[in-house]
Amino acid sequence: MDNSFAIPMSRRSFMKLMGLAAAGAVLGVKGDAAKAEAASPTISTMDFDNAELPVLFDVDVCVVGGGPAGTAAAVSAARNGAKVVLVERGISLGGLATLGCVFPCMPTFADGSDTPYITDLNKRMEKQGSPLTLGIDTDTYFGGGRGQYVPEYLSFVYDEMCEEAGVNVLYNASLAGAVTDGGRIVSCVVQTIEGLAKIQARTFIDGTGDALLSRFAGIPVEKGSEKTGHNQPMSLRFEMGGIDVVKVYHFFRDELKDAWKDKLSDRLLKDALKEGRTPFVEFDKMKSTEKFFRAGVTSGELTEDDVVFIQAFTITGKPTVMSMNCPEMPGLSFSATDTVSYSRAVTFGRKMMRRLAGFFIKNIPGFEKAYISREASMVGVRESWRIRGKYYMEAEDYLKAHHFPDAVCRTAYPIDIHDVNADFSRKLKRGQYYEIPYRALVTNEISNLLVVGRCASGSFAAQASFRIQPTCMSMGEAAGIAAAWGLSRGIPVNEVKWEEIPEETRSYVSK
């Protein structure tokens, strides 16, 4: 068990301080679903049907998007005998976990949620010298998935897993279109350094996060809140080096008096220093911390937008570095589904980043010699487009802890909406969890398409729970297994019955 150090400033508490917290009604969505679907525009596309483009690959399974879900899907399909190509627009697999500096993974809060792929990934990361758990007591009942996946190790391990499984990884390739025929995707079109090319496959898996392949194929989609139309706010994370972490720890504990469970934090600090690791603490009641950052607004060093959400973590293996889970660009000002707005958010976020870093260096003991050591090369998008699949997940599935015979994974991660009007209070009890059904990963319109990750079928509120990395990994793992199994038996993936696949083949069996 590894220990680390976290400085979260709760946006929930801070909203109360600013008089902005309200009991929102964002969870009830059934009556507004049609409005959300109608508000989603048709994607611009070209007719590539008769275009004379070179065929780069002709495979069993084409996975588009190399994030947590897509990589898991590709590896799992290949391990089950399929010939696979994985299309990634960057030069590193892992998506937000590597390119977006989203560290660490959030926990599922559900024991038994780690599927075989996650277990294997964790073992490989440990061999790389990357411990996985933050090290907390049982009162927090963190279930599976809370991994400290250090980006530089993770991208290497993902390459290793793909190479061993026989996955063809196509880097620096962006999806540009799809060719469909008779309710099937025949090929997808990608932009490469050589120009446009086609990839032919018998089954396709959309792991783009933005449902891009699904939209090219004509799948009905939704975006944003059914009530407001707004997406969840985006983040632009960064890392800072040159930090005296222990000094920072003592500042928050001893001067601001914002330690989380003093005896526990003291013990973990001593254990961490003894073992040469970074210390760990989480702050629960953070009134002093909020006042501290609020003073930065009063002095003009920070803006109101800067202090809505401030959080930081130490990074195992980087003893003088902290990962900043901020800034968070204001959701009412920018949209994750508007190209121009998205681009402006990047520039705005970079300015926020510089103000925050400057404030930390000037005002937090331990940051005197700190500097920005890394900027994320991918915007932290929490939610954009979501498909309308055979099953549409609702907030009620979470709130009533629904289980399904065709479940592919479980989670109890709360409905986490970064919005001042959101209600964060309704959580499952310890030991409860809900499940993601296979039917939420397939569509009625396209027979050979699976959709995994944060763009799976569900409402705005439901997606706010199932969007976390470990759940996305498990969705991808199941999709890869189902794709290979269906192909071996001539069954289209949208007709595969997950519960009919032999238990020893499935990655998850509902209990």
Protein backbone atom coordinates (compact mmCIF):
# COMPACT_ATOMS: atom_id res chain seq x y z
CA MET A 1 0.00 0.00 0.00
CA ASP A 2 1.41 3.32 -1.07
CA ASN A 3 0.88 6.66 0.58
CA SER A 4 0.63 10.04 -1.09
CA PHE A 5 -0.45 13.57 -0.35
CA ALA A 6 -3.52 15.36 -1.62
CA ILE A 7 -4.68 18.94 -1.28
CA PRO A 8 -8.29 19.00 -2.41
CA MET A 9 -10.30 22.14 -2.06
CA SER A 10 -13.86 20.95 -2.11
CA ARG A 11 -15.88 22.78 -4.73
CA ARG A 12 -18.96 21.73 -2.77
CA SER A 13 -17.86 23.51 0.39
CA PHE A 14 -16.50 26.45 -1.51
CA MET A 15 -19.78 26.93 -3.37
CA LYS A 16 -21.48 27.20 -0.01
CA LEU A 17 -18.93 29.77 1.08
CA MET A 18 -19.66 31.84 -2.02
CA GLY A 19 -23.41 31.42 -1.65
CA LEU A 20 -23.68 29.49 -4.92
CA ALA A 21 -24.60 26.01 -3.80
CA ALA A 22 -28.17 25.03 -4.55
CA ALA A 23 -30.15 21.83 -4.44
CA GLY A 24 -30.36 21.22 -8.17
CA ALA A 25 -32.87 19.02 -9.91
CA VAL A 26 -30.46 17.64 -12.46
CA LEU A 27 -31.20 14.01 -11.74
CA GLY A 28 -34.71 13.72 -13.12
CA VAL A 29 -34.32 13.35 -16.87
CA LYS A 30 -36.98 11.10 -18.35
CA GLY A 31 -39.29 13.87 -19.42
CA ASP A 32 -36.55 15.84 -21.16
CA ALA A 33 -34.82 13.07 -23.11
CA ALA A 34 -36.50 13.89 -26.42
CA LYS A 35 -35.50 17.54 -26.10
CA ALA A 36 -31.86 16.61 -25.57
CA GLU A 37 -31.84 14.32 -28.59
CA ALA A 38 -33.49 16.90 -30.82
CA ALA A 39 -30.95 19.50 -29.74
CA SER A 40 -28.07 17.40 -31.04
CA PRO A 41 -27.10 18.50 -34.57
CA THR A 42 -26.24 16.13 -37.40
CA ILE A 43 -22.50 15.77 -37.81
CA SER A 44 -20.87 17.17 -40.94
CA THR A 45 -19.51 14.36 -43.08
CA MET A 46 -18.51 13.40 -46.63
CA ASP A 47 -19.59 10.51 -48.80
CA PHE A 48 -16.54 8.25 -48.73
CA ASP A 49 -18.43 5.28 -50.17
CA ASN A 50 -16.86 5.44 -53.61
CA ALA A 51 -13.70 7.31 -52.69
CA GLU A 52 -10.56 5.62 -53.95
CA LEU A 53 -8.56 5.54 -50.75
CA PRO A 54 -5.83 3.09 -49.77
CA VAL A 55 -6.83 0.41 -47.26
CA LEU A 56 -4.39 0.48 -44.36
CA PHE A 57 -5.90 -2.47 -42.50
CA ASP A 58 -8.48 -5.17 -43.11
CA VAL A 59 -9.13 -6.69 -39.69
CA ASP A 60 -11.68 -8.38 -37.48
CA VAL A 61 -12.02 -5.48 -35.04
CA CYS A 62 -11.22 -1.79 -35.42
CA VAL A 63 -11.16 0.23 -32.20
CA VAL A 64 -11.18 4.00 -32.57
CA GLY A 65 -9.78 5.87 -29.57
CA GLY A 66 -6.91 4.67 -27.39
CA GLY A 67 -8.13 5.90 -24.01
CA PRO A 68 -8.85 3.68 -20.99
CA ALA A 69 -11.91 2.11 -22.64
CA GLY A 70 -10.55 1.78 -26.17
CA THR A 71 -7.21 0.29 -25.15
CA ALA A 72 -8.94 -2.25 -22.92
CA ALA A 73 -11.27 -3.18 -25.80
CA ALA A 74 -8.43 -3.64 -28.26
CA VAL A 75 -6.29 -5.74 -25.93
CA SER A 76 -9.23 -7.90 -24.84
CA ALA A 77 -10.43 -8.54 -28.39
CA ALA A 78 -6.91 -9.53 -29.47
CA ARG A 79 -6.43 -11.79 -26.47
CA ASN A 80 -9.60 -13.58 -27.51
CA GLY A 81 -8.33 -14.33 -30.97
CA ALA A 82 -9.41 -11.34 -33.05
CA LYS A 83 -7.17 -9.46 -35.47
CA VAL A 84 -7.29 -5.88 -34.13
CA VAL A 85 -6.23 -2.37 -35.06
CA LEU A 86 -6.38 0.46 -32.52
CA VAL A 87 -6.62 3.99 -33.95
CA GLU A 88 -5.26 6.76 -31.72
CA ARG A 89 -5.05 10.46 -32.66
CA GLY A 90 -2.11 11.12 -30.32
CA ILE A 91 1.18 9.29 -29.82
CA SER A 92 0.37 7.77 -26.45
CA LEU A 93 -2.34 5.38 -25.35
CA GLY A 94 -4.26 6.15 -22.19
CA GLY A 95 -6.20 9.24 -23.19
CA LEU A 96 -6.79 11.55 -20.26
CA ALA A 97 -4.78 9.27 -17.95
CA THR A 98 -1.61 10.01 -19.90
CA LEU A 99 -2.19 12.97 -22.24
CA GLY A 100 -4.57 14.78 -19.90
CA CYS A 101 -2.63 14.32 -16.62
CA VAL A 102 -5.79 12.94 -14.97
CA PHE A 103 -4.15 11.36 -11.97
CA PRO A 104 -5.09 9.33 -9.99
CA CYS A 105 -8.09 7.25 -11.11
CA MET A 106 -11.23 7.83 -9.10
CA PRO A 107 -12.45 4.85 -7.04
CA THR A 108 -15.53 2.81 -7.90
CA PHE A 109 -16.51 2.63 -4.21
CA ALA A 110 -17.55 -0.96 -4.99
CA ASP A 111 -15.62 -3.97 -3.76
CA GLY A 112 -15.14 -6.61 -6.44
CA SER A 113 -15.28 -4.12 -9.28
CA ASP A 114 -11.78 -4.82 -10.61
CA THR A 115 -12.21 -6.95 -13.73
CA PRO A 116 -9.34 -9.18 -14.99
CA TYR A 117 -7.97 -6.52 -17.33
CA ILE A 118 -7.63 -4.03 -14.45
CA THR A 119 -6.00 -6.66 -12.24
CA ASP A 120 -3.47 -7.41 -14.97
CA LEU A 121 -2.81 -3.71 -15.55
CA ASN A 122 -2.22 -3.16 -11.84
CA LYS A 123 0.30 -6.01 -11.65
CA ARG A 124 2.19 -4.64 -14.63
CA MET A 125 2.26 -1.16 -13.14
CA GLU A 126 3.64 -2.53 -9.89
CA LYS A 127 6.47 -4.19 -11.84
CA GLN A 128 7.28 -0.77 -13.27
CA GLY A 129 7.72 0.52 -9.73
CA SER A 130 4.40 2.36 -9.74
CA PRO A 131 2.42 1.56 -6.57
CA LEU A 132 -1.30 1.71 -7.04
CA THR A 133 -3.32 2.62 -3.99
CA LEU A 134 -3.42 5.87 -2.12
CA GLY A 135 -3.58 4.11 1.23
CA ILE A 136 -6.69 4.96 3.17
CA ASP A 137 -8.48 3.37 6.05
CA THR A 138 -11.50 1.13 5.66
CA ASP A 139 -13.95 3.85 6.71
CA THR A 140 -13.68 5.32 3.24
CA TYR A 141 -14.47 1.91 1.68
CA PHE A 142 -12.73 2.66 -1.56
CA GLY A 143 -13.40 -0.32 -3.77
CA GLY A 144 -11.55 -1.14 -6.94
CA GLY A 145 -9.97 1.10 -9.44
CA ARG A 146 -8.31 3.81 -7.38
CA GLY A 147 -5.00 3.44 -9.14
CA GLN A 148 -2.04 5.79 -9.15
CA TYR A 149 -1.23 5.26 -12.79
CA VAL A 150 1.84 7.44 -13.33
CA PRO A 151 1.47 8.64 -16.96
CA GLU A 152 5.02 7.90 -18.09
CA TYR A 153 4.76 4.32 -16.81
CA LEU A 154 1.21 3.83 -18.05
CA SER A 155 1.87 4.73 -21.68
CA PHE A 156 4.76 2.24 -21.75
CA VAL A 157 2.68 -0.54 -20.16
CA TYR A 158 -0.15 0.05 -22.63
CA ASP A 159 2.28 -0.33 -25.52
CA GLU A 160 3.55 -3.52 -23.91
CA MET A 161 0.05 -4.97 -23.49
CA CYS A 162 -0.89 -4.18 -27.09
CA GLU A 163 2.33 -5.63 -28.46
CA GLU A 164 1.96 -8.86 -26.48
CA ALA A 165 -1.66 -9.28 -27.57
CA GLY A 166 -0.86 -8.57 -31.20
CA VAL A 167 -2.79 -5.30 -31.48
CA ASN A 168 -1.80 -3.07 -34.39
CA VAL A 169 -1.62 0.46 -32.98
CA LEU A 170 -2.05 3.27 -35.49
CA TYR A 171 -0.78 6.48 -33.87
CA ASN A 172 -1.30 10.03 -35.10
CA ALA A 173 -4.46 9.04 -36.97
CA SER A 174 -7.69 11.00 -36.62
CA LEU A 175 -11.10 9.68 -37.53
CA ALA A 176 -12.53 11.55 -40.56
CA GLY A 177 -15.59 9.53 -41.53
CA ALA A 178 -17.30 6.19 -41.86
CA VAL A 179 -18.81 4.13 -44.67
CA THR A 180 -22.01 2.28 -43.80
CA ASP A 181 -24.08 -0.18 -45.76
CA GLY A 182 -27.22 -2.04 -44.74
CA GLY A 183 -27.02 -1.13 -41.07
CA ARG A 184 -23.33 -1.99 -40.78
CA ILE A 185 -20.12 0.01 -40.75
CA VAL A 186 -18.03 -1.22 -43.65
CA SER A 187 -14.98 0.94 -43.06
CA CYS A 188 -13.82 4.04 -41.27
CA VAL A 189 -11.75 6.81 -42.82
CA VAL A 190 -8.71 8.17 -41.01
CA GLN A 191 -6.44 11.15 -41.60
CA THR A 192 -2.78 10.12 -41.37
CA ILE A 193 0.57 11.70 -42.20
CA GLU A 194 0.18 10.12 -45.65
CA GLY A 195 -3.31 11.52 -46.15
CA LEU A 196 -6.71 9.87 -46.00
CA ALA A 197 -7.00 6.10 -45.81
CA LYS A 198 -9.59 3.44 -45.00
CA ILE A 199 -9.68 0.75 -42.37
CA GLN A 200 -11.98 -2.18 -43.07
CA ALA A 201 -13.27 -4.35 -40.25
CA ARG A 202 -16.04 -6.76 -39.39
CA THR A 203 -16.73 -5.10 -36.04
CA PHE A 204 -16.06 -1.56 -34.86
CA ILE A 205 -15.69 -0.20 -31.33
CA ASP A 206 -16.16 3.50 -30.61
CA GLY A 207 -13.83 4.57 -27.80
CA THR A 208 -13.50 8.18 -28.92
CA GLY A 209 -15.14 9.63 -25.80
CA ASP A 210 -17.10 11.99 -28.06
CA ALA A 211 -19.10 9.26 -29.84
CA LEU A 212 -17.47 10.44 -33.06
CA LEU A 213 -17.57 7.12 -34.89
CA SER A 214 -21.17 6.64 -33.74
CA ARG A 215 -22.14 10.05 -35.05
CA PHE A 216 -20.48 9.38 -38.40
CA ALA A 217 -22.52 6.17 -38.55
CA GLY A 218 -25.78 8.00 -37.84
CA ILE A 219 -26.41 6.83 -34.29
CA PRO A 220 -28.80 9.07 -32.27
CA VAL A 221 -26.85 11.05 -29.69
CA GLU A 222 -27.37 13.55 -26.89
CA LYS A 223 -25.10 16.17 -25.40
CA GLY A 224 -25.08 18.20 -22.23
CA SER A 225 -27.68 18.51 -19.53
CA GLU A 226 -31.27 17.76 -20.48
CA LYS A 227 -32.33 20.81 -18.45
CA THR A 228 -29.71 23.43 -19.30
CA GLY A 229 -28.01 22.13 -22.44
CA HIS A 230 -24.61 22.79 -20.87
CA ASN A 231 -21.81 20.24 -20.79
CA GLN A 232 -19.89 19.57 -17.62
CA PRO A 233 -16.99 22.04 -17.32
CA MET A 234 -13.62 21.12 -18.78
CA SER A 235 -10.24 21.14 -17.04
CA LEU A 236 -6.67 21.75 -18.20
CA ARG A 237 -4.45 19.96 -15.74
CA PHE A 238 -0.76 20.49 -15.09
CA GLU A 239 2.11 19.37 -12.90
CA MET A 240 4.49 21.41 -10.78
CA GLY A 241 7.98 20.34 -9.74
CA GLY A 242 10.51 21.56 -7.20
CA ILE A 243 8.06 21.23 -4.29
CA ASP A 244 8.93 20.46 -0.68
CA VAL A 245 5.93 18.18 -0.16
CA VAL A 246 6.42 17.67 3.58
CA LYS A 247 6.57 21.41 4.13
CA VAL A 248 3.33 21.81 2.17
CA TYR A 249 1.73 19.08 4.25
CA HIS A 250 2.62 20.79 7.52
CA PHE A 251 1.36 24.13 6.24
CA PHE A 252 -2.12 22.76 5.63
CA ARG A 253 -2.15 20.65 8.77
CA ASP A 254 -0.42 22.89 11.30
CA GLU A 255 -1.15 26.41 10.07
CA LEU A 256 -4.50 26.07 8.33
CA LYS A 257 -5.59 23.25 10.67
CA ASP A 258 -7.23 21.42 7.77
CA ALA A 259 -5.96 17.88 8.33
CA TRP A 260 -8.19 14.91 7.56
CA LYS A 261 -8.27 12.58 10.58
CA ASP A 262 -5.10 13.76 12.32
CA LYS A 263 -4.01 10.41 13.73
CA LEU A 264 -4.37 8.70 10.38
CA SER A 265 -2.57 11.45 8.46
CA ASP A 266 0.24 11.55 11.00
CA ARG A 267 0.69 7.79 10.78
CA LEU A 268 0.68 7.81 7.01
CA LEU A 269 3.14 10.69 6.94
CA LYS A 270 5.57 8.79 9.19
CA ASP A 271 5.15 5.58 7.17
CA ALA A 272 5.68 7.43 3.93
CA LEU A 273 8.85 9.17 5.08
CA LYS A 274 10.16 5.92 6.55
CA GLU A 275 9.63 4.09 3.26
CA GLY A 276 10.87 6.93 1.10
CA ARG A 277 7.44 7.64 -0.34
CA THR A 278 5.41 10.82 -0.54
CA PRO A 279 3.08 11.51 2.40
CA PHE A 280 -0.68 11.27 2.20
CA VAL A 281 -3.51 13.28 3.66
CA GLU A 282 -7.01 14.28 2.61
CA PHE A 283 -8.82 17.27 4.04
CA ASP A 284 -12.41 16.89 5.08
CA LYS A 285 -13.48 20.12 6.78
CA MET A 286 -11.64 22.80 4.86
CA LYS A 287 -12.97 26.14 6.00
CA SER A 288 -9.49 27.52 6.59
CA THR A 289 -8.30 26.34 3.19
CA GLU A 290 -11.25 28.00 1.50
CA LYS A 291 -10.54 31.28 3.26
CA PHE A 292 -6.89 30.99 2.27
CA PHE A 293 -7.66 30.72 -1.45
CA ARG A 294 -10.46 33.25 -1.16
CA ALA A 295 -7.89 35.75 0.08
CA GLY A 296 -6.16 35.34 -3.27
CA VAL A 297 -9.30 36.64 -4.98
CA THR A 298 -9.46 39.60 -2.60
CA SER A 299 -5.81 40.47 -3.30
CA GLY A 300 -6.32 40.24 -7.05
CA GLU A 301 -3.90 37.35 -7.50
CA LEU A 302 -6.72 34.95 -8.39
CA THR A 303 -10.15 35.31 -9.99
CA GLU A 304 -13.52 33.93 -8.95
CA ASP A 305 -13.21 31.32 -11.72
CA ASP A 306 -9.78 30.21 -10.47
CA VAL A 307 -10.99 29.21 -7.01
CA VAL A 308 -14.15 27.31 -7.89
CA PHE A 309 -12.18 24.05 -7.94
CA ILE A 310 -8.62 23.62 -6.67
CA GLN A 311 -7.13 20.20 -6.00
CA ALA A 312 -3.68 18.65 -6.07
CA PHE A 313 -2.06 15.23 -5.59
CA THR A 314 1.48 14.05 -5.06
CA ILE A 315 2.78 11.59 -7.65
CA THR A 316 4.40 8.35 -6.58
CA GLY A 317 7.87 8.13 -8.10
CA LYS A 318 8.10 11.91 -8.42
CA PRO A 319 8.94 13.01 -4.86
CA THR A 320 9.03 16.76 -5.56
CA VAL A 321 6.13 16.91 -8.03
CA MET A 322 2.41 17.47 -7.59
CA SER A 323 -0.39 16.97 -10.11
CA MET A 324 -2.92 19.80 -10.23
CA ASN A 325 -6.50 18.77 -10.81
CA CYS A 326 -7.26 22.29 -11.99
CA PRO A 327 -7.92 24.77 -13.45
CA GLU A 328 -11.54 24.12 -14.27
CA MET A 329 -12.80 26.39 -17.03
CA PRO A 330 -16.26 27.85 -16.26
CA GLY A 331 -18.93 25.60 -17.72
CA LEU A 332 -21.31 28.45 -18.50
CA SER A 333 -18.67 30.15 -20.64
CA PHE A 334 -17.28 27.24 -22.64
CA SER A 335 -18.65 24.12 -24.31
CA ALA A 336 -17.02 20.74 -24.88
CA THR A 337 -19.21 20.26 -27.97
CA ASP A 338 -18.50 23.56 -29.74
CA THR A 339 -15.26 23.63 -31.71
CA VAL A 340 -14.58 27.35 -31.36
CA SER A 341 -15.62 27.50 -27.71
CA TYR A 342 -13.48 24.45 -26.92
CA SER A 343 -10.44 26.14 -28.45
CA ARG A 344 -11.01 29.36 -26.55
CA ALA A 345 -11.30 27.36 -23.35
CA VAL A 346 -7.74 26.12 -23.83
CA THR A 347 -6.33 29.64 -23.96
CA PHE A 348 -8.49 30.70 -21.02
CA GLY A 349 -7.40 27.66 -19.02
CA ARG A 350 -3.74 28.29 -19.66
CA LYS A 351 -4.09 31.78 -18.19
CA MET A 352 -5.83 30.30 -15.15
CA MET A 353 -2.99 27.80 -14.81
CA ARG A 354 -0.38 30.56 -14.69
CA ARG A 355 -2.30 32.52 -12.06
CA LEU A 356 -2.74 29.47 -9.86
CA ALA A 357 0.93 28.46 -10.15
CA GLY A 358 2.03 32.01 -9.33
CA PHE A 359 -0.22 32.11 -6.27
CA PHE A 360 1.04 28.74 -5.01
CA ILE A 361 4.68 29.81 -5.40
CA LYS A 362 4.13 33.11 -3.61
CA ASN A 363 1.83 31.97 -0.81
CA ILE A 364 2.22 28.27 0.02
CA PRO A 365 5.30 27.24 2.06
CA GLY A 366 7.02 24.44 0.18
CA PHE A 367 6.28 25.96 -3.25
CA GLU A 368 9.03 28.63 -3.08
CA LYS A 369 11.17 26.89 -5.71
CA ALA A 370 8.32 25.29 -7.62
CA TYR A 371 7.68 25.63 -11.35
CA ILE A 372 5.27 24.29 -13.96
CA SER A 373 6.91 21.09 -15.15
CA ARG A 374 4.19 19.79 -17.45
CA GLU A 375 0.99 20.95 -19.12
CA ALA A 376 -1.67 18.48 -20.21
CA SER A 377 -1.68 17.90 -23.97
CA MET A 378 -5.35 16.94 -23.87
CA VAL A 379 -8.26 18.91 -22.43
CA GLY A 380 -10.03 17.21 -19.55
CA VAL A 381 -13.51 16.73 -21.00
CA ARG A 382 -15.90 15.14 -18.52
CA GLU A 383 -18.90 14.89 -20.81
CA SER A 384 -19.76 15.69 -24.42
CA TRP A 385 -21.88 13.43 -26.65
CA ARG A 386 -23.60 10.25 -25.47
CA ILE A 387 -25.28 7.64 -27.65
CA ARG A 388 -28.84 6.36 -27.43
CA GLY A 389 -28.27 2.63 -27.23
CA LYS A 390 -30.49 -0.40 -26.73
CA TYR A 391 -30.56 0.43 -23.03
CA TYR A 392 -30.53 4.01 -21.77
CA MET A 393 -29.03 4.39 -18.31
CA GLU A 394 -30.79 6.78 -15.95
CA ALA A 395 -29.96 8.32 -12.58
CA GLU A 396 -32.42 5.83 -11.12
CA ASP A 397 -30.13 2.96 -12.09
CA TYR A 398 -27.57 4.41 -9.71
CA LEU A 399 -29.93 5.59 -7.00
CA LYS A 400 -31.77 2.26 -6.81
CA ALA A 401 -28.60 0.16 -7.25
CA HIS A 402 -29.97 -1.70 -10.25
CA HIS A 403 -28.40 -5.01 -11.24
CA PHE A 404 -28.70 -6.58 -14.69
CA PRO A 405 -28.35 -10.14 -16.04
CA ASP A 406 -26.19 -8.78 -18.87
CA ALA A 407 -24.05 -6.59 -16.61
CA VAL A 408 -20.45 -6.03 -17.75
CA CYS A 409 -19.19 -4.27 -14.61
CA ARG A 410 -20.20 -2.66 -11.31
CA THR A 411 -19.59 0.70 -9.68
CA ALA A 412 -20.88 2.87 -6.88
CA TYR A 413 -19.12 6.07 -7.91
CA PRO A 414 -21.54 8.91 -7.15
CA ILE A 415 -23.29 11.15 -9.63
CA ASP A 416 -20.47 13.66 -9.80
CA ILE A 417 -21.58 16.76 -11.70
CA HIS A 418 -19.24 19.74 -11.57
CA ASP A 419 -22.02 22.28 -11.48
CA VAL A 420 -23.09 24.79 -8.84
CA ASN A 421 -26.69 23.68 -9.22
CA ALA A 422 -25.99 19.97 -8.80
CA ASP A 423 -27.13 17.84 -5.89
CA PHE A 424 -24.15 15.84 -4.62
CA SER A 425 -25.77 14.49 -1.50
CA ARG A 426 -27.52 11.37 -2.79
CA LYS A 427 -25.08 8.46 -2.60
CA LEU A 428 -25.37 4.72 -2.33
CA LYS A 429 -24.84 3.12 1.05
CA ARG A 430 -21.69 1.23 1.80
CA GLY A 431 -21.78 -2.18 0.10
CA GLN A 432 -24.33 -1.12 -2.52
CA TYR A 433 -23.48 -0.80 -6.19
CA TYR A 434 -25.18 -0.68 -9.55
CA GLU A 435 -24.20 -2.37 -12.80
CA ILE A 436 -23.65 -1.33 -16.43
CA PRO A 437 -25.65 -3.55 -18.83
CA TYR A 438 -24.16 -4.76 -22.10
CA ARG A 439 -27.18 -3.30 -23.89
CA ALA A 440 -25.92 0.21 -23.05
CA LEU A 441 -22.91 -0.48 -25.29
CA VAL A 442 -24.80 -1.47 -28.46
CA THR A 443 -27.31 0.23 -30.74
CA ASN A 444 -30.39 -0.66 -32.72
CA GLU A 445 -29.20 1.14 -35.85
CA ILE A 446 -25.75 -0.40 -36.47
CA SER A 447 -25.32 -4.14 -35.95
CA ASN A 448 -21.52 -4.27 -35.80
CA LEU A 449 -20.84 -1.32 -33.47
CA LEU A 450 -19.96 -1.26 -29.78
CA VAL A 451 -19.64 2.03 -27.87
CA VAL A 452 -17.53 2.19 -24.72
CA GLY A 453 -16.41 4.73 -22.14
CA ARG A 454 -17.97 8.06 -21.25
CA CYS A 455 -20.00 8.19 -24.50
CA ALA A 456 -21.98 5.01 -23.72
CA SER A 457 -25.78 5.17 -23.60
CA GLY A 458 -27.09 7.16 -20.67
CA SER A 459 -28.49 10.43 -19.37
CA PHE A 460 -26.41 13.42 -18.30
CA ALA A 461 -26.68 12.40 -14.64
CA ALA A 462 -26.02 8.69 -15.23
CA GLN A 463 -22.94 9.51 -17.29
CA ALA A 464 -21.62 11.58 -14.40
CA SER A 465 -21.26 8.31 -12.48
CA PHE A 466 -20.08 5.82 -15.10
CA ARG A 467 -17.51 8.15 -16.73
CA ILE A 468 -14.59 7.30 -14.40
CA GLN A 469 -11.54 5.46 -15.75
CA PRO A 470 -11.88 2.02 -14.10
CA THR A 471 -15.51 1.70 -15.15
CA CYS A 472 -14.57 2.73 -18.69
CA MET A 473 -11.79 0.12 -18.70
CA SER A 474 -14.21 -2.62 -17.69
CA MET A 475 -16.70 -1.55 -20.35
CA GLY A 476 -13.96 -1.73 -22.95
CA GLU A 477 -12.79 -5.12 -21.72
CA ALA A 478 -16.29 -6.56 -22.05
CA ALA A 479 -16.72 -5.04 -25.51
CA GLY A 480 -13.50 -6.65 -26.73
CA ILE A 481 -14.58 -10.04 -25.40
CA ALA A 482 -18.06 -9.72 -26.92
CA ALA A 483 -16.67 -8.60 -30.27
CA ALA A 484 -14.35 -11.62 -30.56
CA TRP A 485 -17.00 -14.02 -29.28
CA GLY A 486 -19.63 -12.74 -31.69
CA LEU A 487 -17.29 -12.91 -34.66
CA SER A 488 -16.30 -16.49 -33.87
CA ARG A 489 -19.99 -17.48 -33.99
CA GLY A 490 -21.25 -15.20 -36.72
CA ILE A 491 -23.40 -13.14 -34.33
CA PRO A 492 -23.57 -9.35 -34.78
CA VAL A 493 -22.47 -7.59 -31.60
CA ASN A 494 -25.82 -5.87 -31.12
CA GLU A 495 -27.42 -9.32 -30.99
CA VAL A 496 -24.87 -10.87 -28.65
CA LYS A 497 -26.34 -11.87 -25.30
CA TRP A 498 -23.60 -11.17 -22.78
CA GLU A 499 -25.23 -13.45 -20.23
CA GLU A 500 -25.05 -16.34 -22.72
CA ILE A 501 -21.29 -16.11 -23.15
CA PRO A 502 -19.67 -18.81 -20.98
CA GLU A 503 -18.82 -17.49 -17.53
CA GLU A 504 -15.17 -18.45 -17.88
CA THR A 505 -14.97 -16.20 -20.95
CA ARG A 506 -16.78 -13.20 -19.51
CA SER A 507 -14.82 -10.53 -17.62
CA TYR A 508 -17.73 -9.94 -15.26
CA VAL A 509 -20.66 -12.06 -14.09
CA SER A 510 -23.56 -10.44 -12.27
CA LYS A 511 -24.24 -11.90 -8.84
